Amino acid sequence: EYEELKKMKNLGMIDCANNQIEKLNPFGKEINLAKVYLDYNKIKSIPVAPDGYFMGFTQLESFTATHNEIELFPDIFNARSAYICQSVDFSYNKIRGFENGDDFKGINAGQVNISDNYLETFPSVLFKKGSPMNYLVLAGNGMKEIPEGALQGPNTFMLEALDLSYNYLSKLPDDFY
């Protein structure tokens, strides 16, 4: 399957929204899609190819995988990438954490939406890994706390908007002030 997908050198967009897809196959680093739409499926995870990539990111503008069954935010992006994606949207999944934990590579995207998932704790790994986000949406996660130091990272200053609506926060850490 991977051997066939990596031959699609001219593929620029894939739209598989509103299907019954449960399992994805990676394209690999050489396939640089500009737009990926995987919304409204039954996807549980997004795998990487033997080269360590789900797909190449030199052309990526938009990646959406909303309304699926993903439990860990996939570690398929990289905050250190020279290429900036406009938007990444994993809202309405079952995300409880980040694949590879503290070794998660981050995301180089202007807008990141992880709303309506199950993140009870603020995803500080995004900032610690230097994700240069302008807009982060974490609404409706049932988030109970934001630990001190959660906003520390080399690119936190780039954040312009943070949506924490519809959570269970009772206080904000000193970082917010």
N, C-alpha and C. Protein backbone atom coordinates (compact mmCIF):
# COMPACT_ATOMS: atom_id res chain seq x y z
N GLU A 1 0.83 -1.20 0.00
CA GLU A 1 0.00 0.00 0.00
C GLU A 1 0.87 1.26 0.00
N TYR A 2 1.87 1.30 0.90
CA TYR A 2 2.77 2.45 0.94
C TYR A 2 3.53 2.59 -0.38
N GLU A 3 3.99 1.46 -0.92
CA GLU A 3 4.75 1.49 -2.17
C GLU A 3 3.94 2.11 -3.31
N GLU A 4 2.64 1.88 -3.32
CA GLU A 4 1.77 2.45 -4.37
C GLU A 4 1.51 3.93 -4.10
N LEU A 5 1.24 4.30 -2.86
CA LEU A 5 0.93 5.70 -2.53
C LEU A 5 2.11 6.62 -2.79
N LYS A 6 3.33 6.15 -2.54
CA LYS A 6 4.49 7.02 -2.72
C LYS A 6 4.79 7.32 -4.19
N LYS A 7 4.08 6.67 -5.10
CA LYS A 7 4.23 6.94 -6.53
C LYS A 7 3.39 8.13 -6.98
N MET A 8 2.50 8.62 -6.16
CA MET A 8 1.58 9.70 -6.54
C MET A 8 2.26 11.05 -6.41
N LYS A 9 3.32 11.27 -7.12
CA LYS A 9 4.16 12.47 -7.02
C LYS A 9 3.44 13.77 -7.33
N ASN A 10 2.40 13.75 -8.16
CA ASN A 10 1.70 14.97 -8.55
C ASN A 10 0.45 15.25 -7.72
N LEU A 11 0.13 14.37 -6.81
CA LEU A 11 -1.06 14.56 -5.99
C LEU A 11 -0.89 15.79 -5.10
N GLY A 12 -1.83 16.72 -5.17
CA GLY A 12 -1.74 17.94 -4.38
C GLY A 12 -2.81 18.06 -3.31
N MET A 13 -3.93 17.35 -3.48
CA MET A 13 -5.02 17.43 -2.53
C MET A 13 -5.68 16.07 -2.42
N ILE A 14 -6.07 15.72 -1.19
CA ILE A 14 -6.84 14.51 -1.00
C ILE A 14 -8.01 14.84 -0.10
N ASP A 15 -9.20 14.48 -0.55
CA ASP A 15 -10.43 14.73 0.20
C ASP A 15 -11.13 13.39 0.40
N CYS A 16 -11.06 12.89 1.62
CA CYS A 16 -11.69 11.62 1.98
C CYS A 16 -12.75 11.84 3.05
N ALA A 17 -13.28 13.05 3.13
CA ALA A 17 -14.28 13.38 4.15
C ALA A 17 -15.56 12.60 3.93
N ASN A 18 -16.26 12.37 5.04
CA ASN A 18 -17.58 11.72 5.03
C ASN A 18 -17.55 10.33 4.43
N ASN A 19 -16.67 9.49 4.95
CA ASN A 19 -16.59 8.10 4.56
C ASN A 19 -16.62 7.23 5.82
N GLN A 20 -16.17 6.03 5.71
CA GLN A 20 -16.11 5.11 6.85
C GLN A 20 -14.67 4.63 7.07
N ILE A 21 -13.71 5.48 6.74
CA ILE A 21 -12.29 5.10 6.82
C ILE A 21 -11.87 4.89 8.27
N GLU A 22 -11.27 3.74 8.52
CA GLU A 22 -10.78 3.42 9.85
C GLU A 22 -9.25 3.44 9.89
N LYS A 23 -8.63 3.02 8.80
CA LYS A 23 -7.18 2.90 8.75
C LYS A 23 -6.62 3.71 7.59
N LEU A 24 -5.59 4.49 7.88
CA LEU A 24 -4.89 5.26 6.86
C LEU A 24 -3.57 4.59 6.52
N ASN A 25 -3.11 4.84 5.33
CA ASN A 25 -1.78 4.43 4.93
C ASN A 25 -0.98 5.70 4.65
N PRO A 26 0.27 5.73 5.08
CA PRO A 26 1.09 6.93 4.86
C PRO A 26 1.55 7.05 3.41
N PHE A 27 1.81 8.29 3.00
CA PHE A 27 2.32 8.57 1.66
C PHE A 27 3.85 8.64 1.66
N GLY A 28 4.42 9.09 2.74
CA GLY A 28 5.87 9.27 2.81
C GLY A 28 6.29 10.69 2.47
N LYS A 29 7.50 11.01 2.76
CA LYS A 29 8.05 12.36 2.65
C LYS A 29 7.99 12.96 1.25
N GLU A 30 8.07 12.16 0.22
CA GLU A 30 8.14 12.67 -1.15
C GLU A 30 6.81 13.17 -1.69
N ILE A 31 5.71 12.82 -1.07
CA ILE A 31 4.39 13.27 -1.53
C ILE A 31 4.00 14.50 -0.72
N ASN A 32 4.01 15.65 -1.37
CA ASN A 32 3.76 16.93 -0.71
C ASN A 32 2.37 17.45 -1.03
N LEU A 33 1.42 17.04 -0.22
CA LEU A 33 0.05 17.48 -0.41
C LEU A 33 -0.14 18.91 0.09
N ALA A 34 -0.99 19.67 -0.56
CA ALA A 34 -1.30 21.03 -0.11
C ALA A 34 -2.51 21.03 0.82
N LYS A 35 -3.47 20.17 0.54
CA LYS A 35 -4.69 20.12 1.34
C LYS A 35 -5.07 18.68 1.62
N VAL A 36 -5.36 18.40 2.89
CA VAL A 36 -5.75 17.07 3.32
C VAL A 36 -7.04 17.20 4.13
N TYR A 37 -8.08 16.51 3.67
CA TYR A 37 -9.38 16.53 4.35
C TYR A 37 -9.76 15.09 4.71
N LEU A 38 -9.74 14.80 5.99
CA LEU A 38 -10.04 13.46 6.49
C LEU A 38 -11.22 13.49 7.47
N ASP A 39 -12.04 14.50 7.39
CA ASP A 39 -13.12 14.71 8.35
C ASP A 39 -14.23 13.66 8.25
N TYR A 40 -14.90 13.45 9.37
CA TYR A 40 -16.08 12.57 9.45
C TYR A 40 -15.79 11.16 8.95
N ASN A 41 -14.84 10.52 9.61
CA ASN A 41 -14.52 9.12 9.35
C ASN A 41 -14.44 8.40 10.69
N LYS A 42 -13.75 7.29 10.72
CA LYS A 42 -13.57 6.51 11.95
C LYS A 42 -12.09 6.26 12.22
N ILE A 43 -11.27 7.23 11.83
CA ILE A 43 -9.82 7.12 11.95
C ILE A 43 -9.40 7.16 13.42
N LYS A 44 -8.54 6.22 13.81
CA LYS A 44 -8.08 6.16 15.19
C LYS A 44 -6.65 6.69 15.35
N SER A 45 -5.86 6.63 14.27
CA SER A 45 -4.49 7.13 14.33
C SER A 45 -4.01 7.45 12.92
N ILE A 46 -2.94 8.23 12.86
CA ILE A 46 -2.34 8.60 11.57
C ILE A 46 -0.90 8.10 11.59
N PRO A 47 -0.63 7.04 10.81
CA PRO A 47 0.68 6.39 10.85
C PRO A 47 1.74 7.12 10.02
N VAL A 48 2.98 6.76 10.25
CA VAL A 48 4.08 7.29 9.45
C VAL A 48 4.67 6.16 8.61
N ALA A 49 5.29 6.54 7.50
CA ALA A 49 5.95 5.59 6.60
C ALA A 49 7.31 5.20 7.17
N PRO A 50 7.99 4.25 6.56
CA PRO A 50 9.34 3.90 7.03
C PRO A 50 10.31 5.09 7.06
N ASP A 51 10.04 6.12 6.24
CA ASP A 51 10.92 7.30 6.26
C ASP A 51 10.59 8.26 7.41
N GLY A 52 9.60 7.89 8.25
CA GLY A 52 9.24 8.70 9.41
C GLY A 52 8.19 9.77 9.15
N TYR A 53 7.64 9.83 7.95
CA TYR A 53 6.67 10.85 7.58
C TYR A 53 5.33 10.23 7.20
N PHE A 54 4.26 10.91 7.53
CA PHE A 54 2.96 10.53 6.97
C PHE A 54 2.90 11.03 5.53
N MET A 55 3.41 12.23 5.33
CA MET A 55 3.48 12.88 4.02
C MET A 55 4.50 14.00 4.11
N GLY A 56 4.88 14.57 2.99
CA GLY A 56 5.77 15.72 2.98
C GLY A 56 4.99 16.99 3.32
N PHE A 57 5.68 18.02 3.76
CA PHE A 57 4.99 19.23 4.22
C PHE A 57 5.43 20.50 3.50
N THR A 58 6.15 20.39 2.40
CA THR A 58 6.65 21.59 1.74
C THR A 58 5.54 22.41 1.10
N GLN A 59 4.40 21.81 0.82
CA GLN A 59 3.28 22.51 0.17
C GLN A 59 2.06 22.67 1.07
N LEU A 60 2.08 22.07 2.25
CA LEU A 60 0.88 21.95 3.07
C LEU A 60 0.29 23.30 3.49
N GLU A 61 -0.99 23.49 3.18
CA GLU A 61 -1.75 24.67 3.58
C GLU A 61 -2.74 24.33 4.68
N SER A 62 -3.43 23.20 4.52
CA SER A 62 -4.50 22.85 5.43
C SER A 62 -4.56 21.34 5.65
N PHE A 63 -4.67 20.94 6.93
CA PHE A 63 -4.79 19.54 7.28
C PHE A 63 -5.93 19.42 8.27
N THR A 64 -7.01 18.74 7.89
CA THR A 64 -8.13 18.57 8.81
C THR A 64 -8.49 17.10 8.97
N ALA A 65 -8.68 16.71 10.20
CA ALA A 65 -9.11 15.36 10.54
C ALA A 65 -10.12 15.47 11.68
N THR A 66 -11.17 16.24 11.47
CA THR A 66 -12.18 16.45 12.50
C THR A 66 -13.18 15.31 12.51
N HIS A 67 -13.87 15.17 13.63
CA HIS A 67 -14.95 14.18 13.77
C HIS A 67 -14.47 12.77 13.44
N ASN A 68 -13.40 12.35 14.10
CA ASN A 68 -12.88 11.00 13.98
C ASN A 68 -12.77 10.39 15.37
N GLU A 69 -11.95 9.36 15.53
CA GLU A 69 -11.81 8.67 16.82
C GLU A 69 -10.35 8.67 17.29
N ILE A 70 -9.62 9.71 16.93
CA ILE A 70 -8.20 9.81 17.26
C ILE A 70 -8.05 10.10 18.75
N GLU A 71 -7.23 9.28 19.45
CA GLU A 71 -7.06 9.43 20.89
C GLU A 71 -5.78 10.16 21.27
N LEU A 72 -4.76 10.10 20.43
CA LEU A 72 -3.51 10.83 20.67
C LEU A 72 -3.24 11.72 19.47
N PHE A 73 -2.95 13.00 19.73
CA PHE A 73 -2.63 13.91 18.64
C PHE A 73 -1.41 13.34 17.92
N PRO A 74 -1.52 13.10 16.62
CA PRO A 74 -0.43 12.43 15.91
C PRO A 74 0.84 13.28 15.80
N ASP A 75 1.96 12.62 15.94
CA ASP A 75 3.26 13.29 15.87
C ASP A 75 3.77 13.24 14.42
N ILE A 76 3.02 13.89 13.53
CA ILE A 76 3.35 13.88 12.11
C ILE A 76 3.83 15.24 11.61
N PHE A 77 3.82 16.24 12.47
CA PHE A 77 4.26 17.59 12.11
C PHE A 77 5.59 17.85 12.80
N ASN A 78 6.15 19.04 12.60
CA ASN A 78 7.40 19.38 13.26
C ASN A 78 7.49 20.89 13.41
N ALA A 79 7.60 21.36 14.64
CA ALA A 79 7.68 22.80 14.91
C ALA A 79 8.90 23.43 14.28
N ARG A 80 9.94 22.66 14.03
CA ARG A 80 11.18 23.19 13.46
C ARG A 80 11.20 23.19 11.93
N SER A 81 10.12 22.74 11.34
CA SER A 81 10.04 22.71 9.88
C SER A 81 10.18 24.11 9.32
N ALA A 82 10.81 24.22 8.17
CA ALA A 82 10.94 25.51 7.49
C ALA A 82 9.64 25.89 6.81
N TYR A 83 8.71 24.95 6.74
CA TYR A 83 7.45 25.17 6.02
C TYR A 83 6.31 25.39 7.01
N ILE A 84 5.54 26.44 6.78
CA ILE A 84 4.45 26.82 7.67
C ILE A 84 3.12 26.42 7.05
N CYS A 85 2.34 25.68 7.81
CA CYS A 85 0.99 25.30 7.39
C CYS A 85 0.03 26.37 7.91
N GLN A 86 -0.98 26.72 7.13
CA GLN A 86 -1.95 27.72 7.58
C GLN A 86 -2.79 27.20 8.73
N SER A 87 -3.37 26.00 8.57
CA SER A 87 -4.25 25.51 9.63
C SER A 87 -4.20 24.00 9.77
N VAL A 88 -4.27 23.56 11.03
CA VAL A 88 -4.33 22.16 11.39
C VAL A 88 -5.53 22.02 12.31
N ASP A 89 -6.46 21.11 11.97
CA ASP A 89 -7.70 20.98 12.74
C ASP A 89 -7.96 19.52 13.10
N PHE A 90 -7.90 19.23 14.39
CA PHE A 90 -8.21 17.91 14.92
C PHE A 90 -9.36 18.00 15.93
N SER A 91 -10.27 18.93 15.72
CA SER A 91 -11.40 19.08 16.64
C SER A 91 -12.36 17.89 16.52
N TYR A 92 -13.12 17.70 17.57
CA TYR A 92 -14.14 16.65 17.62
C TYR A 92 -13.57 15.25 17.40
N ASN A 93 -12.54 14.93 18.16
CA ASN A 93 -11.99 13.59 18.19
C ASN A 93 -12.08 13.11 19.64
N LYS A 94 -11.20 12.23 20.04
CA LYS A 94 -11.16 11.71 21.41
C LYS A 94 -9.77 11.92 22.00
N ILE A 95 -9.12 12.99 21.59
CA ILE A 95 -7.73 13.24 21.96
C ILE A 95 -7.59 13.51 23.46
N ARG A 96 -6.72 12.70 24.10
CA ARG A 96 -6.44 12.82 25.53
C ARG A 96 -5.00 13.26 25.79
N GLY A 97 -4.18 13.20 24.76
CA GLY A 97 -2.76 13.53 24.91
C GLY A 97 -2.08 13.59 23.56
N PHE A 98 -0.75 13.58 23.60
CA PHE A 98 0.06 13.73 22.39
C PHE A 98 0.93 12.51 22.18
N GLU A 99 0.93 12.02 20.95
CA GLU A 99 1.74 10.87 20.60
C GLU A 99 3.21 11.17 20.91
N ASN A 100 3.89 10.24 21.50
CA ASN A 100 5.30 10.35 21.90
C ASN A 100 5.51 11.27 23.09
N GLY A 101 4.45 11.70 23.75
CA GLY A 101 4.55 12.48 24.98
C GLY A 101 5.48 13.67 24.89
N ASP A 102 6.48 13.73 25.75
CA ASP A 102 7.41 14.86 25.78
C ASP A 102 8.33 14.89 24.55
N ASP A 103 8.35 13.82 23.79
CA ASP A 103 9.17 13.78 22.57
C ASP A 103 8.37 14.22 21.34
N PHE A 104 7.13 14.65 21.55
CA PHE A 104 6.31 15.18 20.46
C PHE A 104 7.08 16.31 19.78
N LYS A 105 7.06 16.36 18.44
CA LYS A 105 7.90 17.32 17.69
C LYS A 105 7.28 18.71 17.54
N GLY A 106 6.03 18.90 17.92
CA GLY A 106 5.40 20.21 17.77
C GLY A 106 4.76 20.39 16.40
N ILE A 107 4.23 21.59 16.17
CA ILE A 107 3.52 21.89 14.93
C ILE A 107 3.93 23.27 14.44
N ASN A 108 4.24 23.40 13.17
CA ASN A 108 4.53 24.70 12.58
C ASN A 108 3.30 25.11 11.77
N ALA A 109 2.33 25.70 12.46
CA ALA A 109 1.07 26.10 11.81
C ALA A 109 0.55 27.37 12.44
N GLY A 110 -0.06 28.21 11.63
CA GLY A 110 -0.63 29.46 12.14
C GLY A 110 -1.81 29.22 13.05
N GLN A 111 -2.74 28.37 12.63
CA GLN A 111 -3.93 28.08 13.42
C GLN A 111 -3.98 26.60 13.75
N VAL A 112 -4.17 26.29 15.02
CA VAL A 112 -4.28 24.90 15.47
C VAL A 112 -5.56 24.79 16.29
N ASN A 113 -6.43 23.86 15.87
CA ASN A 113 -7.71 23.65 16.55
C ASN A 113 -7.75 22.24 17.11
N ILE A 114 -7.80 22.16 18.44
CA ILE A 114 -7.93 20.87 19.13
C ILE A 114 -9.15 20.93 20.04
N SER A 115 -10.16 21.64 19.61
CA SER A 115 -11.34 21.81 20.46
C SER A 115 -12.20 20.55 20.48
N ASP A 116 -13.03 20.47 21.51
CA ASP A 116 -14.00 19.39 21.67
C ASP A 116 -13.34 18.02 21.62
N ASN A 117 -12.33 17.86 22.47
CA ASN A 117 -11.65 16.59 22.68
C ASN A 117 -11.68 16.31 24.18
N TYR A 118 -10.70 15.57 24.70
CA TYR A 118 -10.67 15.20 26.11
C TYR A 118 -9.36 15.61 26.79
N LEU A 119 -8.84 16.76 26.43
CA LEU A 119 -7.60 17.24 27.04
C LEU A 119 -7.91 17.91 28.37
N GLU A 120 -7.72 17.19 29.45
CA GLU A 120 -8.03 17.75 30.77
C GLU A 120 -6.95 18.69 31.28
N THR A 121 -5.75 18.57 30.74
CA THR A 121 -4.63 19.43 31.12
C THR A 121 -4.15 20.19 29.89
N PHE A 122 -3.77 21.42 30.09
CA PHE A 122 -3.27 22.27 29.02
C PHE A 122 -2.11 21.59 28.29
N PRO A 123 -2.10 21.56 26.96
CA PRO A 123 -1.04 20.89 26.20
C PRO A 123 0.24 21.72 26.10
N SER A 124 0.96 21.82 27.20
CA SER A 124 2.16 22.65 27.26
C SER A 124 3.26 22.16 26.32
N VAL A 125 3.20 20.89 25.90
CA VAL A 125 4.21 20.35 24.99
C VAL A 125 4.25 21.16 23.69
N LEU A 126 3.14 21.73 23.28
CA LEU A 126 3.12 22.55 22.06
C LEU A 126 4.06 23.74 22.18
N PHE A 127 4.06 24.38 23.32
CA PHE A 127 4.91 25.55 23.53
C PHE A 127 6.35 25.15 23.83
N LYS A 128 6.53 24.10 24.61
CA LYS A 128 7.88 23.65 24.94
C LYS A 128 8.65 23.23 23.70
N LYS A 129 7.96 22.69 22.71
CA LYS A 129 8.61 22.26 21.48
C LYS A 129 8.73 23.39 20.45
N GLY A 130 8.30 24.59 20.81
CA GLY A 130 8.49 25.75 19.95
C GLY A 130 7.49 25.91 18.82
N SER A 131 6.30 25.36 18.99
CA SER A 131 5.27 25.50 17.95
C SER A 131 4.93 26.97 17.76
N PRO A 132 5.20 27.53 16.57
CA PRO A 132 4.95 28.96 16.32
C PRO A 132 3.51 29.23 15.89
N MET A 133 2.58 29.08 16.82
CA MET A 133 1.15 29.24 16.52
C MET A 133 0.71 30.68 16.76
N ASN A 134 -0.21 31.14 15.92
CA ASN A 134 -0.84 32.44 16.14
C ASN A 134 -2.16 32.28 16.88
N TYR A 135 -2.85 31.19 16.58
CA TYR A 135 -4.20 30.99 17.10
C TYR A 135 -4.35 29.54 17.54
N LEU A 136 -4.64 29.33 18.81
CA LEU A 136 -4.81 27.99 19.37
C LEU A 136 -6.20 27.88 19.97
N VAL A 137 -6.97 26.90 19.51
CA VAL A 137 -8.33 26.68 20.00
C VAL A 137 -8.35 25.40 20.83
N LEU A 138 -8.68 25.55 22.11
CA LEU A 138 -8.77 24.42 23.04
C LEU A 138 -10.13 24.39 23.72
N ALA A 139 -11.13 24.96 23.09
CA ALA A 139 -12.48 25.04 23.67
C ALA A 139 -13.09 23.66 23.83
N GLY A 140 -13.91 23.51 24.87
CA GLY A 140 -14.71 22.30 25.04
C GLY A 140 -13.94 21.03 25.27
N ASN A 141 -12.86 21.10 26.03
CA ASN A 141 -12.07 19.91 26.32
C ASN A 141 -12.29 19.35 27.72
N GLY A 142 -12.99 20.08 28.56
CA GLY A 142 -13.12 19.64 29.94
C GLY A 142 -11.83 19.89 30.71
N MET A 143 -11.04 20.84 30.22
CA MET A 143 -9.76 21.15 30.84
C MET A 143 -9.97 21.69 32.25
N LYS A 144 -9.27 21.09 33.21
CA LYS A 144 -9.43 21.46 34.61
C LYS A 144 -8.32 22.36 35.13
N GLU A 145 -7.16 22.25 34.48
CA GLU A 145 -6.05 23.06 34.99
C GLU A 145 -5.06 23.45 33.89
N ILE A 146 -4.37 24.53 34.18
CA ILE A 146 -3.25 24.97 33.36
C ILE A 146 -2.07 25.10 34.31
N PRO A 147 -1.12 24.18 34.22
CA PRO A 147 0.00 24.22 35.16
C PRO A 147 0.89 25.45 34.97
N GLU A 148 1.55 25.86 36.04
CA GLU A 148 2.54 26.93 35.95
C GLU A 148 3.59 26.54 34.91
N GLY A 149 3.99 27.47 34.10
CA GLY A 149 5.01 27.22 33.10
C GLY A 149 4.48 26.63 31.81
N ALA A 150 3.18 26.44 31.72
CA ALA A 150 2.58 25.81 30.53
C ALA A 150 2.78 26.64 29.27
N LEU A 151 2.94 27.93 29.43
CA LEU A 151 3.10 28.81 28.27
C LEU A 151 4.56 29.17 27.99
N GLN A 152 5.48 28.43 28.57
CA GLN A 152 6.89 28.72 28.35
C GLN A 152 7.40 27.99 27.13
N GLY A 153 8.05 28.72 26.26
CA GLY A 153 8.61 28.14 25.05
C GLY A 153 9.18 29.23 24.18
N PRO A 154 10.02 28.87 23.24
CA PRO A 154 10.71 29.88 22.43
C PRO A 154 9.81 30.69 21.51
N ASN A 155 8.62 30.19 21.18
CA ASN A 155 7.75 30.92 20.24
C ASN A 155 6.40 31.31 20.84
N THR A 156 6.29 31.27 22.15
CA THR A 156 5.03 31.63 22.79
C THR A 156 4.62 33.07 22.45
N PHE A 157 5.59 33.93 22.25
CA PHE A 157 5.30 35.33 21.94
C PHE A 157 4.50 35.50 20.65
N MET A 158 4.47 34.48 19.79
CA MET A 158 3.75 34.56 18.52
C MET A 158 2.24 34.36 18.68
N LEU A 159 1.83 33.81 19.82
CA LEU A 159 0.42 33.53 20.05
C LEU A 159 -0.39 34.82 20.16
N GLU A 160 -1.39 34.96 19.30
CA GLU A 160 -2.25 36.14 19.29
C GLU A 160 -3.62 35.87 19.90
N ALA A 161 -4.09 34.63 19.80
CA ALA A 161 -5.42 34.28 20.32
C ALA A 161 -5.40 32.88 20.91
N LEU A 162 -6.02 32.73 22.06
CA LEU A 162 -6.11 31.45 22.76
C LEU A 162 -7.55 31.28 23.22
N ASP A 163 -8.24 30.29 22.70
CA ASP A 163 -9.64 30.05 23.05
C ASP A 163 -9.71 28.90 24.05
N LEU A 164 -10.08 29.24 25.28
CA LEU A 164 -10.22 28.27 26.35
C LEU A 164 -11.67 28.16 26.82
N SER A 165 -12.60 28.62 26.01
CA SER A 165 -14.02 28.60 26.41
C SER A 165 -14.53 27.18 26.59
N TYR A 166 -15.55 27.05 27.39
CA TYR A 166 -16.24 25.77 27.64
C TYR A 166 -15.31 24.69 28.18
N ASN A 167 -14.53 25.06 29.19
CA ASN A 167 -13.70 24.11 29.93
C ASN A 167 -14.12 24.21 31.40
N TYR A 168 -13.36 23.59 32.28
CA TYR A 168 -13.68 23.62 33.71
C TYR A 168 -12.58 24.30 34.51
N LEU A 169 -12.00 25.34 33.96
CA LEU A 169 -10.91 26.04 34.63
C LEU A 169 -11.44 26.88 35.78
N SER A 170 -10.76 26.82 36.92
CA SER A 170 -11.16 27.65 38.05
C SER A 170 -10.16 28.78 38.30
N LYS A 171 -8.99 28.70 37.68
CA LYS A 171 -8.00 29.76 37.80
C LYS A 171 -7.04 29.69 36.63
N LEU A 172 -6.32 30.78 36.43
CA LEU A 172 -5.28 30.85 35.42
C LEU A 172 -3.94 30.99 36.12
N PRO A 173 -2.89 30.36 35.61
CA PRO A 173 -1.58 30.48 36.26
C PRO A 173 -1.01 31.90 36.07
N ASP A 174 0.00 32.20 36.84
CA ASP A 174 0.65 33.51 36.78
C ASP A 174 1.21 33.81 35.39
N ASP A 175 1.51 32.78 34.60
CA ASP A 175 2.01 32.97 33.24
C ASP A 175 1.08 33.86 32.42
N PHE A 176 -0.20 33.82 32.71
CA PHE A 176 -1.17 34.58 31.94
C PHE A 176 -1.15 36.06 32.28
N TYR A 177 -0.45 36.41 33.34
CA TYR A 177 -0.41 37.80 33.75
C TYR A 177 0.98 38.33 33.56
